[in-house]
C-alpha atoms as a PDB file:
ATOM      1  CA  MET A   1     141.404  39.114 240.772  1.00  0.00           C
ATOM      2  CA  ALA A   2     137.883  40.506 241.100  1.00  0.00           C
ATOM      3  CA  GLY A   3     137.027  43.570 239.055  1.00  0.00           C
ATOM      4  CA  ARG A   4     139.978  43.160 236.704  1.00  0.00           C
ATOM      5  CA  PHE A   5     140.014  42.183 233.056  1.00  0.00           C
ATOM      6  CA  TRP A   6     143.077  40.133 232.180  1.00  0.00           C
ATOM      7  CA  VAL A   7     144.060  39.514 228.606  1.00  0.00           C
ATOM      8  CA  GLN A   8     146.634  37.230 227.108  1.00  0.00           C
ATOM      9  CA  SER A   9     147.198  37.638 223.417  1.00  0.00           C
ATOM     10  CA  MET A  10     147.483  34.837 220.874  1.00  0.00           C
ATOM     11  CA  LEU A  11     144.727  32.675 222.330  1.00  0.00           C
ATOM     12  CA  PRO A  12     142.893  30.248 220.075  1.00  0.00           C
ATOM     13  CA  ARG A  13     139.371  31.286 219.152  1.00  0.00           C
ATOM     14  CA  SER A  14     137.948  28.166 220.835  1.00  0.00           C
ATOM     15  CA  ALA A  15     139.282  29.363 224.224  1.00  0.00           C
ATOM     16  CA  LEU A  16     136.835  32.238 224.186  1.00  0.00           C
ATOM     17  CA  LEU A  17     133.634  30.861 222.727  1.00  0.00           C
ATOM     18  CA  GLY A  18     130.779  31.230 225.150  1.00  0.00           C
ATOM     19  CA  VAL A  19     132.327  34.194 227.000  1.00  0.00           C
ATOM     20  CA  VAL A  20     130.128  36.696 225.166  1.00  0.00           C
ATOM     21  CA  PRO A  21     127.315  36.359 222.638  1.00  0.00           C
ATOM     22  CA  ALA A  22     128.579  35.114 219.274  1.00  0.00           C
ATOM     23  CA  ARG A  23     127.400  38.323 217.561  1.00  0.00           C
ATOM     24  CA  ALA A  24     129.921  40.282 219.673  1.00  0.00           C
ATOM     25  CA  ILE A  25     132.899  38.362 218.330  1.00  0.00           C
ATOM     26  CA  ALA A  26     134.235  40.176 215.297  1.00  0.00           C
ATOM     27  CA  ARG A  27     137.964  39.554 214.902  1.00  0.00           C
ATOM     28  CA  PRO A  28     140.696  37.348 216.409  1.00  0.00           C
ATOM     29  CA  GLY A  29     142.400  40.376 218.024  1.00  0.00           C
ATOM     30  CA  LEU A  30     139.151  41.339 219.688  1.00  0.00           C
ATOM     31  CA  LEU A  31     138.737  37.802 220.970  1.00  0.00           C
ATOM     32  CA  ALA A  32     141.785  38.222 223.165  1.00  0.00           C
ATOM     33  CA  LEU A  33     140.098  41.153 224.864  1.00  0.00           C
ATOM     34  CA  LEU A  34     137.158  39.042 225.949  1.00  0.00           C
ATOM     35  CA  LEU A  35     138.957  36.506 228.129  1.00  0.00           C
ATOM     36  CA  ALA A  36     138.011  36.308 231.797  1.00  0.00           C
ATOM     37  CA  ALA A  37     136.093  39.563 232.041  1.00  0.00           C
ATOM     38  CA  SER A  38     134.820  40.301 235.516  1.00  0.00           C
ATOM     39  CA  PRO A  39     132.261  41.707 235.624  1.00  0.00           C
ATOM     40  CA  ALA A  40     131.121  40.389 232.242  1.00  0.00           C
ATOM     41  CA  PRO A  41     131.453  42.710 229.250  1.00  0.00           C
ATOM     42  CA  VAL A  42     128.285  44.551 228.278  1.00  0.00           C
ATOM     43  CA  LEU A  43     127.216  44.641 224.664  1.00  0.00           C
ATOM     44  CA  ALA A  44     125.719  48.097 224.027  1.00  0.00           C
ATOM     45  CA  ASP A  45     124.881  50.308 221.080  1.00  0.00           C
ATOM     46  CA  ALA A  46     127.341  53.152 220.583  1.00  0.00           C
ATOM     47  CA  ALA A  47     127.158  55.953 218.015  1.00  0.00           C
ATOM     48  CA  GLU A  48     129.134  53.804 215.536  1.00  0.00           C
ATOM     49  CA  GLY A  49     127.172  50.597 216.271  1.00  0.00           C
ATOM     50  CA  PRO A  50     127.378  47.793 218.842  1.00  0.00           C
ATOM     51  CA  ALA A  51     130.319  47.972 221.246  1.00  0.00           C
ATOM     52  CA  LEU A  52     131.637  46.093 224.245  1.00  0.00           C
ATOM     53  CA  ARG A  53     131.829  48.265 227.362  1.00  0.00           C
ATOM     54  CA  LEU A  54     134.191  47.193 230.125  1.00  0.00           C
ATOM     55  CA  THR A  55     135.155  48.658 233.488  1.00  0.00           C
ATOM     56  CA  ASP A  56     138.427  48.212 235.389  1.00  0.00           C
ATOM     57  CA  MET A  57     140.146  46.667 232.392  1.00  0.00           C
ATOM     58  CA  THR A  58     143.743  45.434 232.439  1.00  0.00           C
ATOM     59  CA  PHE A  59     145.406  44.373 229.200  1.00  0.00           C
ATOM     60  CA  VAL A  60     148.667  42.425 229.293  1.00  0.00           C
ATOM     61  CA  SER A  61     150.646  41.633 226.173  1.00  0.00           C
ATOM     62  CA  SER A  62     153.538  39.313 226.859  1.00  0.00           C
ATOM     63  CA  GLN A  63     156.324  37.510 225.104  1.00  0.00           C
ATOM     64  CA  GLY A  64     157.209  34.349 226.960  1.00  0.00           C
ATOM     65  CA  SER A  65     156.690  34.949 230.667  1.00  0.00           C
ATOM     66  CA  GLU A  66     157.628  38.653 230.567  1.00  0.00           C
ATOM     67  CA  PRO A  67     154.961  41.330 230.033  1.00  0.00           C
ATOM     68  CA  GLN A  68     155.779  43.712 227.180  1.00  0.00           C
ATOM     69  CA  VAL A  69     152.841  46.115 227.445  1.00  0.00           C
ATOM     70  CA  LEU A  70     150.479  46.510 230.390  1.00  0.00           C
ATOM     71  CA  LEU A  71     147.519  48.895 230.099  1.00  0.00           C
ATOM     72  CA  GLU A  72     144.967  49.568 232.833  1.00  0.00           C
ATOM     73  CA  ALA A  73     141.863  51.664 232.251  1.00  0.00           C
ATOM     74  CA  GLU A  74     138.828  52.614 234.321  1.00  0.00           C
ATOM     75  CA  THR A  75     136.646  52.100 231.249  1.00  0.00           C
ATOM     76  CA  ALA A  76     137.032  50.666 227.765  1.00  0.00           C
ATOM     77  CA  GLU A  77     134.714  50.678 224.781  1.00  0.00           C
ATOM     78  CA  ILE A  78     135.440  48.373 221.865  1.00  0.00           C
ATOM     79  CA  PRO A  79     133.246  48.543 218.764  1.00  0.00           C
ATOM     80  CA  VAL A  80     132.625  44.915 217.739  1.00  0.00           C
ATOM     81  CA  ASP A  81     133.704  45.555 214.151  1.00  0.00           C
ATOM     82  CA  SER A  82     136.995  47.217 215.172  1.00  0.00           C
ATOM     83  CA  ASP A  83     140.408  46.313 216.592  1.00  0.00           C
ATOM     84  CA  VAL A  84     140.637  49.625 218.491  1.00  0.00           C
ATOM     85  CA  ALA A  85     139.757  49.920 222.175  1.00  0.00           C
ATOM     86  CA  HIS A  86     138.830  53.418 223.409  1.00  0.00           C
ATOM     87  CA  LEU A  87     140.135  53.745 226.976  1.00  0.00           C
ATOM     88  CA  ARG A  88     139.521  56.315 229.732  1.00  0.00           C
ATOM     89  CA  THR A  89     141.702  57.113 232.771  1.00  0.00           C
ATOM     90  CA  VAL A  90     144.658  55.037 231.638  1.00  0.00           C
ATOM     91  CA  ARG A  91     147.932  53.811 233.132  1.00  0.00           C
ATOM     92  CA  ALA A  92     150.495  52.063 230.972  1.00  0.00           C
ATOM     93  CA  LYS A  93     153.794  50.286 231.479  1.00  0.00           C
ATOM     94  CA  VAL A  94     156.038  49.272 228.593  1.00  0.00           C
ATOM     95  CA  ALA A  95     159.037  47.010 229.174  1.00  0.00           C
ATOM     96  CA  GLY A  96     162.497  47.883 227.899  1.00  0.00           C
ATOM     97  CA  ASP A  97     165.418  45.694 226.881  1.00  0.00           C
ATOM     98  CA  SER A  98     167.649  47.061 229.644  1.00  0.00           C
ATOM     99  CA  ALA A  99     167.428  48.650 233.089  1.00  0.00           C
ATOM    100  CA  GLU A 100     167.526  52.107 231.438  1.00  0.00           C
ATOM    101  CA  GLY A 101     164.725  51.236 229.007  1.00  0.00           C
ATOM    102  CA  GLY A 102     161.001  51.010 229.501  1.00  0.00           C
ATOM    103  CA  MET A 103     158.464  53.598 230.589  1.00  0.00           C
ATOM    104  CA  GLU A 104     155.429  54.112 232.783  1.00  0.00           C
ATOM    105  CA  MET A 105     152.789  56.714 232.025  1.00  0.00           C
ATOM    106  CA  SER A 106     149.248  57.862 232.686  1.00  0.00           C
ATOM    107  CA  CYS A 107     146.752  59.836 230.622  1.00  0.00           C
ATOM    108  CA  ASP A 108     143.093  60.815 230.422  1.00  0.00           C
ATOM    109  CA  ARG A 109     142.296  58.676 227.378  1.00  0.00           C
ATOM    110  CA  ALA A 110     143.930  56.354 224.860  1.00  0.00           C
ATOM    111  CA  GLU A 111     143.211  54.416 221.706  1.00  0.00           C
ATOM    112  CA  TYR A 112     144.686  50.939 221.960  1.00  0.00           C
ATOM    113  CA  HIS A 113     145.181  48.956 218.742  1.00  0.00           C
ATOM    114  CA  VAL A 114     144.553  45.351 219.716  1.00  0.00           C
ATOM    115  CA  ASP A 115     146.159  43.803 216.648  1.00  0.00           C
ATOM    116  CA  THR A 116     149.501  45.687 216.921  1.00  0.00           C
ATOM    117  CA  ASN A 117     149.789  46.670 220.636  1.00  0.00           C
ATOM    118  CA  ASP A 118     150.256  50.289 219.499  1.00  0.00           C
ATOM    119  CA  PHE A 119     148.504  53.041 221.410  1.00  0.00           C
ATOM    120  CA  VAL A 120     147.889  56.775 221.253  1.00  0.00           C
ATOM    121  CA  ALA A 121     147.677  58.530 224.643  1.00  0.00           C
ATOM    122  CA  GLU A 122     146.011  61.939 224.989  1.00  0.00           C
ATOM    123  CA  GLY A 123     145.152  64.413 227.718  1.00  0.00           C
ATOM    124  CA  HIS A 124     147.516  65.115 230.619  1.00  0.00           C
ATOM    125  CA  VAL A 125     150.087  62.556 229.492  1.00  0.00           C
ATOM    126  CA  ARG A 126     152.659  62.167 232.277  1.00  0.00           C
ATOM    127  CA  GLY A 127     155.294  59.519 232.624  1.00  0.00           C
ATOM    128  CA  ARG A 128     158.703  58.295 233.664  1.00  0.00           C
ATOM    129  CA  THR A 129     161.364  56.537 231.634  1.00  0.00           C
ATOM    130  CA  GLY A 130     163.361  53.584 232.929  1.00  0.00           C
ATOM    131  CA  ASP A 131     166.315  55.827 233.801  1.00  0.00           C
ATOM    132  CA  GLY A 132     164.147  58.227 235.842  1.00  0.00           C
ATOM    133  CA  ARG A 133     163.394  61.072 233.402  1.00  0.00           C
ATOM    134  CA  ARG A 134     159.915  62.500 233.828  1.00  0.00           C
ATOM    135  CA  PHE A 135     157.902  63.842 230.906  1.00  0.00           C
ATOM    136  CA  GLU A 136     154.673  65.815 230.470  1.00  0.00           C
ATOM    137  CA  THR A 137     152.873  66.371 227.190  1.00  0.00           C
ATOM    138  CA  SER A 138     149.355  66.314 225.778  1.00  0.00           C
ATOM    139  CA  ARG A 139     149.784  63.512 223.217  1.00  0.00           C
ATOM    140  CA  LEU A 140     152.045  60.490 222.755  1.00  0.00           C
ATOM    141  CA  ARG A 141     152.087  57.664 220.182  1.00  0.00           C
ATOM    142  CA  TYR A 142     153.653  54.296 221.013  1.00  0.00           C
ATOM    143  CA  ASP A 143     154.705  52.037 218.110  1.00  0.00           C
ATOM    144  CA  HIS A 144     155.185  48.544 219.548  1.00  0.00           C
ATOM    145  CA  ALA A 145     156.944  47.033 216.504  1.00  0.00           C
ATOM    146  CA  LYS A 146     159.603  49.787 216.596  1.00  0.00           C
ATOM    147  CA  ALA A 147     159.535  50.128 220.427  1.00  0.00           C
ATOM    148  CA  VAL A 148     159.368  53.917 220.048  1.00  0.00           C
ATOM    149  CA  ALA A 149     157.227  56.512 221.842  1.00  0.00           C
ATOM    150  CA  VAL A 150     156.839  59.812 219.980  1.00  0.00           C
ATOM    151  CA  SER A 151     155.251  63.137 220.855  1.00  0.00           C
ATOM    152  CA  ASP A 152     155.002  65.869 218.221  1.00  0.00           C
ATOM    153  CA  VAL A 153     153.494  68.441 220.573  1.00  0.00           C
ATOM    154  CA  PRO A 154     155.243  70.539 223.255  1.00  0.00           C
ATOM    155  CA  VAL A 155     156.817  68.524 226.043  1.00  0.00           C
ATOM    156  CA  THR A 156     158.567  69.220 229.357  1.00  0.00           C
ATOM    157  CA  ILE A 157     161.304  66.841 230.521  1.00  0.00           C
ATOM    158  CA  THR A 158     162.765  66.731 234.025  1.00  0.00           C
ATOM    159  CA  ASP A 159     165.873  64.751 234.903  1.00  0.00           C
ATOM    160  CA  ARG A 160     168.622  64.933 237.520  1.00  0.00           C
ATOM    161  CA  HIS A 161     170.294  67.801 235.629  1.00  0.00           C
ATOM    162  CA  GLY A 162     167.261  70.100 235.237  1.00  0.00           C
ATOM    163  CA  ARG A 163     164.098  70.823 233.254  1.00  0.00           C
ATOM    164  CA  TYR A 164     163.867  71.165 229.495  1.00  0.00           C
ATOM    165  CA  ARG A 165     161.213  72.051 226.936  1.00  0.00           C
ATOM    166  CA  GLY A 166     160.961  70.920 223.383  1.00  0.00           C
ATOM    167  CA  ALA A 167     158.543  70.831 220.477  1.00  0.00           C
ATOM    168  CA  GLY A 168     158.320  67.060 220.953  1.00  0.00           C
ATOM    169  CA  PHE A 169     160.370  63.964 221.716  1.00  0.00           C
ATOM    170  CA  ARG A 170     161.297  60.521 220.504  1.00  0.00           C
ATOM    171  CA  TYR A 171     161.994  57.817 223.081  1.00  0.00           C
ATOM    172  CA  HIS A 172     163.479  54.468 222.072  1.00  0.00           C
ATOM    173  CA  VAL A 173     161.810  52.418 224.792  1.00  0.00           C
ATOM    174  CA  GLY A 174     163.889  49.266 224.399  1.00  0.00           C
ATOM    175  CA  GLU A 175     167.276  50.945 224.757  1.00  0.00           C
ATOM    176  CA  GLY A 176     166.267  53.909 226.918  1.00  0.00           C
ATOM    177  CA  ARG A 177     167.496  56.492 224.390  1.00  0.00           C
ATOM    178  CA  PHE A 178     165.699  59.849 224.611  1.00  0.00           C
ATOM    179  CA  GLN A 179     165.706  62.698 222.064  1.00  0.00           C
ATOM    180  CA  LEU A 180     164.091  66.109 222.524  1.00  0.00           C
ATOM    181  CA  VAL A 181     163.220  67.567 219.120  1.00  0.00           C
ATOM    182  CA  GLY A 182     162.704  71.121 217.910  1.00  0.00           C
ATOM    183  CA  ASP A 183     163.011  74.392 219.843  1.00  0.00           C
ATOM    184  CA  VAL A 184     164.773  72.828 222.825  1.00  0.00           C
ATOM    185  CA  SER A 185     165.289  75.128 225.801  1.00  0.00           C
ATOM    186  CA  VAL A 186     166.433  74.862 229.414  1.00  0.00           C
ATOM    187  CA  ILE A 187     163.950  76.030 232.053  1.00  0.00           C
ATOM    188  CA  GLN A 188     165.631  78.165 234.693  1.00  0.00           C
ATOM    189  CA  GLN A 189     164.809  77.064 238.245  1.00  0.00           C
END
């Protein structure tokens, strides 16, 4: 797929040698990000040091044949001595364990932790849960090991029953269980 950057985690280091200059390869988690880049990643100097700059990046983390986390970004910058990718104009999809679980979302920017599949989304975070609830907030953290998305800033939720506000939320992605937290109110239509 031209212009896309596909990643499959848990690849042996030897599968990636020769994709980018050896000096750009810093850690095994970063190696997974370098597979099949098109166009090729650019090694550039950032404020914190050398970084890989990618456009039209897609990251796929899977277990077996099923994708667990899919992230697409217009741009990504990955410092070569870090396991954190800095993404811009991001769309994400996280699989759930049931039809009610999972979520899709978009945001202005995100920090993706290559080694854990965790991410922090910021700026116009909007999404939909597997059961159809829509949410809007300015910041969301996704913990892959716990399969939980958390926002500790004001959020608006819309579902088939109405609109609600809260000081934050906790969404158990695998099971599709949603909790509004703190100062919950119903928005009159």
